[in-house]
Amino acid sequence: MQKEVTVANLDEFKRRVIEACKNKSAANGLRALRWELKRLDHNENGLVDPVEFKFGLRAFGIEIAEDESALLLKYFDPLRQGKLSVNELLHMIREGSLNDRRLAIVE
């Protein structure tokens, strides 16, 4: 029997990741997170093990609970291999996170 994941709000996770990235490096925090996650991708297929992902986030001061980890795996495991897609996770984190100056340039 598979446990149903009850966490449904990725916004809180996204907020914590963005805040931690800003604290790590205001200018390059998300880029630093991307490099950290890419470093965990040992066979360079764009997928990381959830446990390694958890420790990678911990390096940024982000703790995630087991139910959050299960939620991420549920939504960001496109091939159902038990691995998280780095690109899809980063896209979710970046989505809607343009600052005012960048948003004005885009518009």
PDB file of N, CA and C in Angstrom:
ATOM      1  N   MET A   1       0.853  -1.181   0.000  1.00  0.00           N
ATOM      2  CA  MET A   1       0.000   0.000   0.000  1.00  0.00           C
ATOM      3  C   MET A   1       0.891   1.233   0.000  1.00  0.00           C
ATOM      4  N   GLN A   2       0.579   2.171  -0.868  1.00  0.00           N
ATOM      5  CA  GLN A   2       1.374   3.390  -0.990  1.00  0.00           C
ATOM      6  C   GLN A   2       0.783   4.497  -0.133  1.00  0.00           C
ATOM      7  N   LYS A   3       1.653   5.191   0.593  1.00  0.00           N
ATOM      8  CA  LYS A   3       1.203   6.286   1.453  1.00  0.00           C
ATOM      9  C   LYS A   3       0.817   7.489   0.600  1.00  0.00           C
ATOM     10  N   GLU A   4      -0.325   8.049   0.857  1.00  0.00           N
ATOM     11  CA  GLU A   4      -0.776   9.241   0.139  1.00  0.00           C
ATOM     12  C   GLU A   4      -0.079  10.465   0.719  1.00  0.00           C
ATOM     13  N   VAL A   5       0.427  11.306  -0.157  1.00  0.00           N
ATOM     14  CA  VAL A   5       1.124  12.515   0.270  1.00  0.00           C
ATOM     15  C   VAL A   5       0.082  13.595   0.540  1.00  0.00           C
ATOM     16  N   THR A   6       0.173  14.222   1.711  1.00  0.00           N
ATOM     17  CA  THR A   6      -0.832  15.215   2.077  1.00  0.00           C
ATOM     18  C   THR A   6      -0.359  16.649   1.844  1.00  0.00           C
ATOM     19  N   VAL A   7       0.942  16.857   1.659  1.00  0.00           N
ATOM     20  CA  VAL A   7       1.445  18.207   1.402  1.00  0.00           C
ATOM     21  C   VAL A   7       1.081  18.571  -0.025  1.00  0.00           C
ATOM     22  N   ALA A   8       0.409  19.689  -0.213  1.00  0.00           N
ATOM     23  CA  ALA A   8      -0.025  20.062  -1.550  1.00  0.00           C
ATOM     24  C   ALA A   8       0.495  21.424  -1.960  1.00  0.00           C
ATOM     25  N   ASN A   9       1.267  22.066  -1.114  1.00  0.00           N
ATOM     26  CA  ASN A   9       1.671  23.425  -1.385  1.00  0.00           C
ATOM     27  C   ASN A   9       3.160  23.499  -1.714  1.00  0.00           C
ATOM     28  N   LEU A  10       3.467  23.604  -2.992  1.00  0.00           N
ATOM     29  CA  LEU A  10       4.861  23.749  -3.396  1.00  0.00           C
ATOM     30  C   LEU A  10       5.349  25.182  -3.201  1.00  0.00           C
ATOM     31  N   ASP A  11       4.421  26.123  -3.030  1.00  0.00           N
ATOM     32  CA  ASP A  11       4.810  27.521  -2.860  1.00  0.00           C
ATOM     33  C   ASP A  11       5.672  27.737  -1.623  1.00  0.00           C
ATOM     34  N   GLU A  12       5.365  27.051  -0.538  1.00  0.00           N
ATOM     35  CA  GLU A  12       6.150  27.190   0.687  1.00  0.00           C
ATOM     36  C   GLU A  12       7.565  26.651   0.470  1.00  0.00           C
ATOM     37  N   PHE A  13       7.677  25.514  -0.172  1.00  0.00           N
ATOM     38  CA  PHE A  13       8.991  24.951  -0.484  1.00  0.00           C
ATOM     39  C   PHE A  13       9.766  25.911  -1.391  1.00  0.00           C
ATOM     40  N   LYS A  14       9.106  26.408  -2.417  1.00  0.00           N
ATOM     41  CA  LYS A  14       9.730  27.338  -3.362  1.00  0.00           C
ATOM     42  C   LYS A  14      10.212  28.599  -2.635  1.00  0.00           C
ATOM     43  N   ARG A  15       9.391  29.136  -1.739  1.00  0.00           N
ATOM     44  CA  ARG A  15       9.757  30.334  -0.996  1.00  0.00           C
ATOM     45  C   ARG A  15      11.010  30.087  -0.161  1.00  0.00           C
ATOM     46  N   ARG A  16      11.055  28.941   0.519  1.00  0.00           N
ATOM     47  CA  ARG A  16      12.218  28.623   1.348  1.00  0.00           C
ATOM     48  C   ARG A  16      13.487  28.468   0.512  1.00  0.00           C
ATOM     49  N   VAL A  17      13.367  27.852  -0.655  1.00  0.00           N
ATOM     50  CA  VAL A  17      14.535  27.673  -1.529  1.00  0.00           C
ATOM     51  C   VAL A  17      15.030  29.029  -2.022  1.00  0.00           C
ATOM     52  N   ILE A  18      14.123  29.879  -2.463  1.00  0.00           N
ATOM     53  CA  ILE A  18      14.510  31.204  -2.966  1.00  0.00           C
ATOM     54  C   ILE A  18      15.159  32.025  -1.858  1.00  0.00           C
ATOM     55  N   GLU A  19      14.591  31.987  -0.672  1.00  0.00           N
ATOM     56  CA  GLU A  19      15.151  32.727   0.467  1.00  0.00           C
ATOM     57  C   GLU A  19      16.555  32.222   0.804  1.00  0.00           C
ATOM     58  N   ALA A  20      16.720  30.910   0.821  1.00  0.00           N
ATOM     59  CA  ALA A  20      18.039  30.339   1.123  1.00  0.00           C
ATOM     60  C   ALA A  20      19.057  30.703   0.053  1.00  0.00           C
ATOM     61  N   CYS A  21      18.630  30.725  -1.202  1.00  0.00           N
ATOM     62  CA  CYS A  21      19.534  31.103  -2.297  1.00  0.00           C
ATOM     63  C   CYS A  21      19.946  32.563  -2.168  1.00  0.00           C
ATOM     64  N   LYS A  22      19.018  33.420  -1.790  1.00  0.00           N
ATOM     65  CA  LYS A  22      19.347  34.834  -1.583  1.00  0.00           C
ATOM     66  C   LYS A  22      20.328  34.994  -0.439  1.00  0.00           C
ATOM     67  N   ASN A  23      20.153  34.215   0.618  1.00  0.00           N
ATOM     68  CA  ASN A  23      21.071  34.283   1.751  1.00  0.00           C
ATOM     69  C   ASN A  23      22.452  33.755   1.385  1.00  0.00           C
ATOM     70  N   LYS A  24      22.500  32.753   0.541  1.00  0.00           N
ATOM     71  CA  LYS A  24      23.773  32.166   0.127  1.00  0.00           C
ATOM     72  C   LYS A  24      24.552  33.163  -0.735  1.00  0.00           C
ATOM     73  N   SER A  25      23.873  33.741  -1.713  1.00  0.00           N
ATOM     74  CA  SER A  25      24.485  34.725  -2.603  1.00  0.00           C
ATOM     75  C   SER A  25      23.364  35.484  -3.289  1.00  0.00           C
ATOM     76  N   ALA A  26      23.213  36.735  -2.948  1.00  0.00           N
ATOM     77  CA  ALA A  26      22.098  37.530  -3.485  1.00  0.00           C
ATOM     78  C   ALA A  26      22.095  37.567  -5.008  1.00  0.00           C
ATOM     79  N   ALA A  27      23.267  37.617  -5.615  1.00  0.00           N
ATOM     80  CA  ALA A  27      23.348  37.723  -7.070  1.00  0.00           C
ATOM     81  C   ALA A  27      23.308  36.365  -7.764  1.00  0.00           C
ATOM     82  N   ASN A  28      23.887  35.342  -7.152  1.00  0.00           N
ATOM     83  CA  ASN A  28      24.040  34.062  -7.851  1.00  0.00           C
ATOM     84  C   ASN A  28      23.532  32.861  -7.065  1.00  0.00           C
ATOM     85  N   GLY A  29      22.616  33.068  -6.155  1.00  0.00           N
ATOM     86  CA  GLY A  29      22.155  31.980  -5.305  1.00  0.00           C
ATOM     87  C   GLY A  29      21.510  30.838  -6.054  1.00  0.00           C
ATOM     88  N   LEU A  30      20.587  31.147  -6.962  1.00  0.00           N
ATOM     89  CA  LEU A  30      19.911  30.091  -7.710  1.00  0.00           C
ATOM     90  C   LEU A  30      20.884  29.389  -8.650  1.00  0.00           C
ATOM     91  N   ARG A  31      21.804  30.137  -9.200  1.00  0.00           N
ATOM     92  CA  ARG A  31      22.830  29.535 -10.056  1.00  0.00           C
ATOM     93  C   ARG A  31      23.705  28.587  -9.226  1.00  0.00           C
ATOM     94  N   ALA A  32      24.028  28.991  -8.004  1.00  0.00           N
ATOM     95  CA  ALA A  32      24.825  28.136  -7.118  1.00  0.00           C
ATOM     96  C   ALA A  32      24.055  26.861  -6.777  1.00  0.00           C
ATOM     97  N   LEU A  33      22.753  26.977  -6.555  1.00  0.00           N
ATOM     98  CA  LEU A  33      21.933  25.798  -6.282  1.00  0.00           C
ATOM     99  C   LEU A  33      21.920  24.884  -7.501  1.00  0.00           C
ATOM    100  N   ARG A  34      21.790  25.467  -8.665  1.00  0.00           N
ATOM    101  CA  ARG A  34      21.805  24.677  -9.905  1.00  0.00           C
ATOM    102  C   ARG A  34      23.101  23.887 -10.016  1.00  0.00           C
ATOM    103  N   TRP A  35      24.226  24.538  -9.753  1.00  0.00           N
ATOM    104  CA  TRP A  35      25.519  23.844  -9.835  1.00  0.00           C
ATOM    105  C   TRP A  35      25.616  22.752  -8.782  1.00  0.00           C
ATOM    106  N   GLU A  36      25.092  23.008  -7.597  1.00  0.00           N
ATOM    107  CA  GLU A  36      25.103  21.989  -6.538  1.00  0.00           C
ATOM    108  C   GLU A  36      24.294  20.771  -6.967  1.00  0.00           C
ATOM    109  N   LEU A  37      23.126  21.001  -7.548  1.00  0.00           N
ATOM    110  CA  LEU A  37      22.283  19.889  -7.989  1.00  0.00           C
ATOM    111  C   LEU A  37      22.910  19.161  -9.171  1.00  0.00           C
ATOM    112  N   LYS A  38      23.524  19.905 -10.072  1.00  0.00           N
ATOM    113  CA  LYS A  38      24.214  19.269 -11.212  1.00  0.00           C
ATOM    114  C   LYS A  38      25.379  18.423 -10.720  1.00  0.00           C
ATOM    115  N   ARG A  39      26.039  18.869  -9.671  1.00  0.00           N
ATOM    116  CA  ARG A  39      27.153  18.118  -9.100  1.00  0.00           C
ATOM    117  C   ARG A  39      26.669  16.773  -8.558  1.00  0.00           C
ATOM    118  N   LEU A  40      25.449  16.742  -8.034  1.00  0.00           N
ATOM    119  CA  LEU A  40      24.877  15.510  -7.503  1.00  0.00           C
ATOM    120  C   LEU A  40      24.442  14.537  -8.596  1.00  0.00           C
ATOM    121  N   ASP A  41      24.314  15.039  -9.816  1.00  0.00           N
ATOM    122  CA  ASP A  41      23.890  14.234 -10.954  1.00  0.00           C
ATOM    123  C   ASP A  41      25.116  13.508 -11.521  1.00  0.00           C
ATOM    124  N   HIS A  42      25.479  12.396 -10.894  1.00  0.00           N
ATOM    125  CA  HIS A  42      26.726  11.703 -11.212  1.00  0.00           C
ATOM    126  C   HIS A  42      26.802  11.181 -12.652  1.00  0.00           C
ATOM    127  N   ASN A  43      25.694  10.702 -13.193  1.00  0.00           N
ATOM    128  CA  ASN A  43      25.751  10.186 -14.563  1.00  0.00           C
ATOM    129  C   ASN A  43      25.256  11.197 -15.599  1.00  0.00           C
ATOM    130  N   GLU A  44      25.038  12.432 -15.170  1.00  0.00           N
ATOM    131  CA  GLU A  44      24.701  13.559 -16.039  1.00  0.00           C
ATOM    132  C   GLU A  44      23.475  13.309 -16.919  1.00  0.00           C
ATOM    133  N   ASN A  45      22.460  12.701 -16.321  1.00  0.00           N
ATOM    134  CA  ASN A  45      21.225  12.472 -17.063  1.00  0.00           C
ATOM    135  C   ASN A  45      20.107  13.423 -16.652  1.00  0.00           C
ATOM    136  N   GLY A  46      20.423  14.399 -15.788  1.00  0.00           N
ATOM    137  CA  GLY A  46      19.436  15.379 -15.358  1.00  0.00           C
ATOM    138  C   GLY A  46      18.578  14.924 -14.197  1.00  0.00           C
ATOM    139  N   LEU A  47      18.900  13.766 -13.607  1.00  0.00           N
ATOM    140  CA  LEU A  47      18.114  13.220 -12.511  1.00  0.00           C
ATOM    141  C   LEU A  47      18.997  13.031 -11.286  1.00  0.00           C
ATOM    142  N   VAL A  48      18.421  13.297 -10.098  1.00  0.00           N
ATOM    143  CA  VAL A  48      19.163  13.094  -8.846  1.00  0.00           C
ATOM    144  C   VAL A  48      18.327  12.249  -7.894  1.00  0.00           C
ATOM    145  N   ASP A  49      19.030  11.525  -7.056  1.00  0.00           N
ATOM    146  CA  ASP A  49      18.409  10.712  -6.030  1.00  0.00           C
ATOM    147  C   ASP A  49      17.788  11.642  -4.976  1.00  0.00           C
ATOM    148  N   PRO A  50      16.571  11.352  -4.502  1.00  0.00           N
ATOM    149  CA  PRO A  50      15.932  12.224  -3.504  1.00  0.00           C
ATOM    150  C   PRO A  50      16.749  12.411  -2.227  1.00  0.00           C
ATOM    151  N   VAL A  51      17.456  11.377  -1.799  1.00  0.00           N
ATOM    152  CA  VAL A  51      18.270  11.497  -0.586  1.00  0.00           C
ATOM    153  C   VAL A  51      19.440  12.451  -0.836  1.00  0.00           C
ATOM    154  N   GLU A  52      20.098  12.311  -1.996  1.00  0.00           N
ATOM    155  CA  GLU A  52      21.184  13.234  -2.348  1.00  0.00           C
ATOM    156  C   GLU A  52      20.654  14.652  -2.494  1.00  0.00           C
ATOM    157  N   PHE A  53      19.461  14.787  -3.061  1.00  0.00           N
ATOM    158  CA  PHE A  53      18.834  16.096  -3.212  1.00  0.00           C
ATOM    159  C   PHE A  53      18.621  16.739  -1.846  1.00  0.00           C
ATOM    160  N   LYS A  54      18.166  15.936  -0.902  1.00  0.00           N
ATOM    161  CA  LYS A  54      17.930  16.434   0.454  1.00  0.00           C
ATOM    162  C   LYS A  54      19.223  16.956   1.082  1.00  0.00           C
ATOM    163  N   PHE A  55      20.331  16.221   0.892  1.00  0.00           N
ATOM    164  CA  PHE A  55      21.611  16.663   1.437  1.00  0.00           C
ATOM    165  C   PHE A  55      22.167  17.862   0.663  1.00  0.00           C
ATOM    166  N   GLY A  56      21.879  17.934  -0.631  1.00  0.00           N
ATOM    167  CA  GLY A  56      22.281  19.097  -1.420  1.00  0.00           C
ATOM    168  C   GLY A  56      21.580  20.358  -0.939  1.00  0.00           C
ATOM    169  N   LEU A  57      20.294  20.233  -0.633  1.00  0.00           N
ATOM    170  CA  LEU A  57      19.551  21.375  -0.094  1.00  0.00           C
ATOM    171  C   LEU A  57      20.057  21.752   1.288  1.00  0.00           C
ATOM    172  N   ARG A  58      20.433  20.745   2.062  1.00  0.00           N
ATOM    173  CA  ARG A  58      20.939  21.011   3.406  1.00  0.00           C
ATOM    174  C   ARG A  58      22.193  21.881   3.350  1.00  0.00           C
ATOM    175  N   ALA A  59      22.999  21.733   2.299  1.00  0.00           N
ATOM    176  CA  ALA A  59      24.194  22.567   2.122  1.00  0.00           C
ATOM    177  C   ALA A  59      23.816  24.037   1.963  1.00  0.00           C
ATOM    178  N   PHE A  60      22.586  24.299   1.550  1.00  0.00           N
ATOM    179  CA  PHE A  60      22.081  25.663   1.411  1.00  0.00           C
ATOM    180  C   PHE A  60      21.280  26.106   2.628  1.00  0.00           C
ATOM    181  N   GLY A  61      21.222  25.271   3.638  1.00  0.00           N
ATOM    182  CA  GLY A  61      20.475  25.610   4.841  1.00  0.00           C
ATOM    183  C   GLY A  61      18.996  25.318   4.735  1.00  0.00           C
ATOM    184  N   ILE A  62      18.623  24.448   3.811  1.00  0.00           N
ATOM    185  CA  ILE A  62      17.214  24.109   3.598  1.00  0.00           C
ATOM    186  C   ILE A  62      16.974  22.681   4.078  1.00  0.00           C
ATOM    187  N   GLU A  63      16.090  22.544   5.025  1.00  0.00           N
ATOM    188  CA  GLU A  63      15.696  21.220   5.510  1.00  0.00           C
ATOM    189  C   GLU A  63      14.336  20.888   4.915  1.00  0.00           C
ATOM    190  N   ILE A  64      14.198  19.664   4.423  1.00  0.00           N
ATOM    191  CA  ILE A  64      12.889  19.245   3.920  1.00  0.00           C
ATOM    192  C   ILE A  64      12.450  17.991   4.661  1.00  0.00           C
ATOM    193  N   ALA A  65      11.170  17.925   4.903  1.00  0.00           N
ATOM    194  CA  ALA A  65      10.582  16.788   5.605  1.00  0.00           C
ATOM    195  C   ALA A  65      10.368  15.634   4.625  1.00  0.00           C
ATOM    196  N   GLU A  66      10.122  14.465   5.171  1.00  0.00           N
ATOM    197  CA  GLU A  66       9.894  13.277   4.341  1.00  0.00           C
ATOM    198  C   GLU A  66       8.682  13.456   3.428  1.00  0.00           C
ATOM    199  N   ASP A  67       7.616  14.083   3.944  1.00  0.00           N
ATOM    200  CA  ASP A  67       6.437  14.264   3.100  1.00  0.00           C
ATOM    201  C   ASP A  67       6.706  15.258   1.976  1.00  0.00           C
ATOM    202  N   GLU A  68       7.555  16.260   2.222  1.00  0.00           N
ATOM    203  CA  GLU A  68       7.925  17.186   1.152  1.00  0.00           C
ATOM    204  C   GLU A  68       8.764  16.470   0.101  1.00  0.00           C
ATOM    205  N   SER A  69       9.650  15.624   0.550  1.00  0.00           N
ATOM    206  CA  SER A  69      10.476  14.847  -0.369  1.00  0.00           C
ATOM    207  C   SER A  69       9.604  13.937  -1.230  1.00  0.00           C
ATOM    208  N   ALA A  70       8.612  13.311  -0.616  1.00  0.00           N
ATOM    209  CA  ALA A  70       7.686  12.454  -1.357  1.00  0.00           C
ATOM    210  C   ALA A  70       6.866  13.262  -2.352  1.00  0.00           C
ATOM    211  N   LEU A  71       6.459  14.469  -1.968  1.00  0.00           N
ATOM    212  CA  LEU A  71       5.704  15.333  -2.871  1.00  0.00           C
ATOM    213  C   LEU A  71       6.555  15.717  -4.084  1.00  0.00           C
ATOM    214  N   LEU A  72       7.809  16.088  -3.828  1.00  0.00           N
ATOM    215  CA  LEU A  72       8.694  16.443  -4.931  1.00  0.00           C
ATOM    216  C   LEU A  72       8.896  15.263  -5.874  1.00  0.00           C
ATOM    217  N   LEU A  73       9.051  14.086  -5.313  1.00  0.00           N
ATOM    218  CA  LEU A  73       9.228  12.895  -6.135  1.00  0.00           C
ATOM    219  C   LEU A  73       7.961  12.615  -6.946  1.00  0.00           C
ATOM    220  N   LYS A  74       6.820  12.861  -6.337  1.00  0.00           N
ATOM    221  CA  LYS A  74       5.545  12.634  -7.030  1.00  0.00           C
ATOM    222  C   LYS A  74       5.419  13.531  -8.265  1.00  0.00           C
ATOM    223  N   TYR A  75       5.831  14.796  -8.140  1.00  0.00           N
ATOM    224  CA  TYR A  75       5.639  15.748  -9.233  1.00  0.00           C
ATOM    225  C   TYR A  75       6.845  15.897 -10.164  1.00  0.00           C
ATOM    226  N   PHE A  76       8.030  15.555  -9.692  1.00  0.00           N
ATOM    227  CA  PHE A  76       9.222  15.825 -10.493  1.00  0.00           C
ATOM    228  C   PHE A  76      10.026  14.569 -10.807  1.00  0.00           C
ATOM    229  N   ASP A  77       9.342  13.450 -10.909  1.00  0.00           N
ATOM    230  CA  ASP A  77       9.941  12.189 -11.337  1.00  0.00           C
ATOM    231  C   ASP A  77       9.250  11.769 -12.634  1.00  0.00           C
ATOM    232  N   PRO A  78       9.634  12.389 -13.755  1.00  0.00           N
ATOM    233  CA  PRO A  78       8.901  12.181 -14.999  1.00  0.00           C
ATOM    234  C   PRO A  78       8.947  10.745 -15.522  1.00  0.00           C
ATOM    235  N   LEU A  79      10.009  10.028 -15.263  1.00  0.00           N
ATOM    236  CA  LEU A  79      10.153   8.670 -15.777  1.00  0.00           C
ATOM    237  C   LEU A  79       9.777   7.605 -14.745  1.00  0.00           C
ATOM    238  N   ARG A  80       9.328   8.028 -13.570  1.00  0.00           N
ATOM    239  CA  ARG A  80       8.943   7.139 -12.473  1.00  0.00           C
ATOM    240  C   ARG A  80      10.069   6.151 -12.145  1.00  0.00           C
ATOM    241  N   GLN A  81      11.288   6.709 -12.005  1.00  0.00           N
ATOM    242  CA  GLN A  81      12.471   5.915 -11.674  1.00  0.00           C
ATOM    243  C   GLN A  81      12.921   6.122 -10.232  1.00  0.00           C
ATOM    244  N   GLY A  82      12.207   6.952  -9.501  1.00  0.00           N
ATOM    245  CA  GLY A  82      12.627   7.255  -8.137  1.00  0.00           C
ATOM    246  C   GLY A  82      13.711   8.323  -8.108  1.00  0.00           C
ATOM    247  N   LYS A  83      13.807   9.120  -9.171  1.00  0.00           N
ATOM    248  CA  LYS A  83      14.801  10.188  -9.282  1.00  0.00           C
ATOM    249  C   LYS A  83      14.090  11.497  -9.603  1.00  0.00           C
ATOM    250  N   LEU A  84      14.641  12.601  -9.085  1.00  0.00           N
ATOM    251  CA  LEU A  84      14.068  13.931  -9.327  1.00  0.00           C
ATOM    252  C   LEU A  84      14.711  14.571 -10.545  1.00  0.00           C
ATOM    253  N   SER A  85      13.903  15.221 -11.365  1.00  0.00           N
ATOM    254  CA  SER A  85      14.408  15.949 -12.522  1.00  0.00           C
ATOM    255  C   SER A  85      14.916  17.317 -12.072  1.00  0.00           C
ATOM    256  N   VAL A  86      16.218  17.530 -12.219  1.00  0.00           N
ATOM    257  CA  VAL A  86      16.840  18.797 -11.810  1.00  0.00           C
ATOM    258  C   VAL A  86      16.253  19.958 -12.601  1.00  0.00           C
ATOM    259  N   ASN A  87      16.122  19.806 -13.897  1.00  0.00           N
ATOM    260  CA  ASN A  87      15.629  20.904 -14.727  1.00  0.00           C
ATOM    261  C   ASN A  87      14.193  21.281 -14.395  1.00  0.00           C
ATOM    262  N   GLU A  88      13.343  20.298 -14.175  1.00  0.00           N
ATOM    263  CA  GLU A  88      11.955  20.599 -13.849  1.00  0.00           C
ATOM    264  C   GLU A  88      11.830  21.268 -12.484  1.00  0.00           C
ATOM    265  N   LEU A  89      12.639  20.837 -11.523  1.00  0.00           N
ATOM    266  CA  LEU A  89      12.641  21.481 -10.211  1.00  0.00           C
ATOM    267  C   LEU A  89      13.080  22.935 -10.308  1.00  0.00           C
ATOM    268  N   LEU A  90      14.162  23.172 -11.026  1.00  0.00           N
ATOM    269  CA  LEU A  90      14.661  24.542 -11.170  1.00  0.00           C
ATOM    270  C   LEU A  90      13.670  25.420 -11.917  1.00  0.00           C
ATOM    271  N   HIS A  91      12.999  24.846 -12.909  1.00  0.00           N
ATOM    272  CA  HIS A  91      11.984  25.614 -13.650  1.00  0.00           C
ATOM    273  C   HIS A  91      10.845  26.019 -12.714  1.00  0.00           C
ATOM    274  N   MET A  92      10.413  25.104 -11.845  1.00  0.00           N
ATOM    275  CA  MET A  92       9.345  25.420 -10.890  1.00  0.00           C
ATOM    276  C   MET A  92       9.787  26.524  -9.939  1.00  0.00           C
ATOM    277  N   ILE A  93      11.038  26.484  -9.507  1.00  0.00           N
ATOM    278  CA  ILE A  93      11.537  27.492  -8.564  1.00  0.00           C
ATOM    279  C   ILE A  93      11.647  28.846  -9.240  1.00  0.00           C
ATOM    280  N   ARG A  94      12.106  28.868 -10.479  1.00  0.00           N
ATOM    281  CA  ARG A  94      12.269  30.139 -11.208  1.00  0.00           C
ATOM    282  C   ARG A  94      10.948  30.747 -11.642  1.00  0.00           C
ATOM    283  N   GLU A  95       9.950  29.930 -11.881  1.00  0.00           N
ATOM    284  CA  GLU A  95       8.674  30.379 -12.415  1.00  0.00           C
ATOM    285  C   GLU A  95       8.077  31.504 -11.572  1.00  0.00           C
ATOM    286  N   GLY A  96       7.839  32.630 -12.198  1.00  0.00           N
ATOM    287  CA  GLY A  96       7.219  33.757 -11.515  1.00  0.00           C
ATOM    288  C   GLY A  96       8.103  34.456 -10.515  1.00  0.00           C
ATOM    289  N   SER A  97       9.418  34.249 -10.591  1.00  0.00           N
ATOM    290  CA  SER A  97      10.300  34.852  -9.597  1.00  0.00           C
ATOM    291  C   SER A  97      11.178  35.963 -10.182  1.00  0.00           C
ATOM    292  N   LEU A  98      10.712  36.600 -11.242  1.00  0.00           N
ATOM    293  CA  LEU A  98      11.466  37.718 -11.795  1.00  0.00           C
ATOM    294  C   LEU A  98      11.335  38.937 -10.887  1.00  0.00           C
ATOM    295  N   ASN A  99      12.448  39.615 -10.661  1.00  0.00           N
ATOM    296  CA  ASN A  99      12.351  40.855  -9.891  1.00  0.00           C
ATOM    297  C   ASN A  99      11.761  41.938 -10.802  1.00  0.00           C
ATOM    298  N   ASP A 100      11.432  43.101 -10.249  1.00  0.00           N
ATOM    299  CA  ASP A 100      10.756  44.152 -11.000  1.00  0.00           C
ATOM    300  C   ASP A 100      11.539  44.605 -12.224  1.00  0.00           C
ATOM    301  N   ARG A 101      12.862  44.740 -12.060  1.00  0.00           N
ATOM    302  CA  ARG A 101      13.699  45.204 -13.164  1.00  0.00           C
ATOM    303  C   ARG A 101      13.683  44.210 -14.326  1.00  0.00           C
ATOM    304  N   ARG A 102      13.830  42.946 -14.031  1.00  0.00           N
ATOM    305  CA  ARG A 102      13.823  41.923 -15.085  1.00  0.00           C
ATOM    306  C   ARG A 102      12.435  41.798 -15.720  1.00  0.00           C
ATOM    307  N   LEU A 103      11.403  41.922 -14.905  1.00  0.00           N
ATOM    308  CA  LEU A 103      10.047  41.861 -15.438  1.00  0.00           C
ATOM    309  C   LEU A 103       9.803  43.013 -16.398  1.00  0.00           C
ATOM    310  N   ALA A 104      10.298  44.218 -16.092  1.00  0.00           N
ATOM    311  CA  ALA A 104      10.160  45.368 -16.984  1.00  0.00           C
ATOM    312  C   ALA A 104      10.882  45.133 -18.302  1.00  0.00           C
ATOM    313  N   ILE A 105      12.036  44.495 -18.250  1.00  0.00           N
ATOM    314  CA  ILE A 105      12.788  44.195 -19.491  1.00  0.00           C
ATOM    315  C   ILE A 105      11.990  43.221 -20.348  1.00  0.00           C
ATOM    316  N   VAL A 106      11.414  42.196 -19.728  1.00  0.00           N
ATOM    317  CA  VAL A 106      10.643  41.206 -20.467  1.00  0.00           C
ATOM    318  C   VAL A 106       9.418  41.839 -21.108  1.00  0.00           C
ATOM    319  N   GLU A 107       8.758  42.707 -20.336  1.00  0.00           N
ATOM    320  CA  GLU A 107       7.546  43.348 -20.858  1.00  0.00           C
ATOM    321  C   GLU A 107       7.885  44.323 -21.954  1.00  0.00           C
TER     322      GLU A 107
END
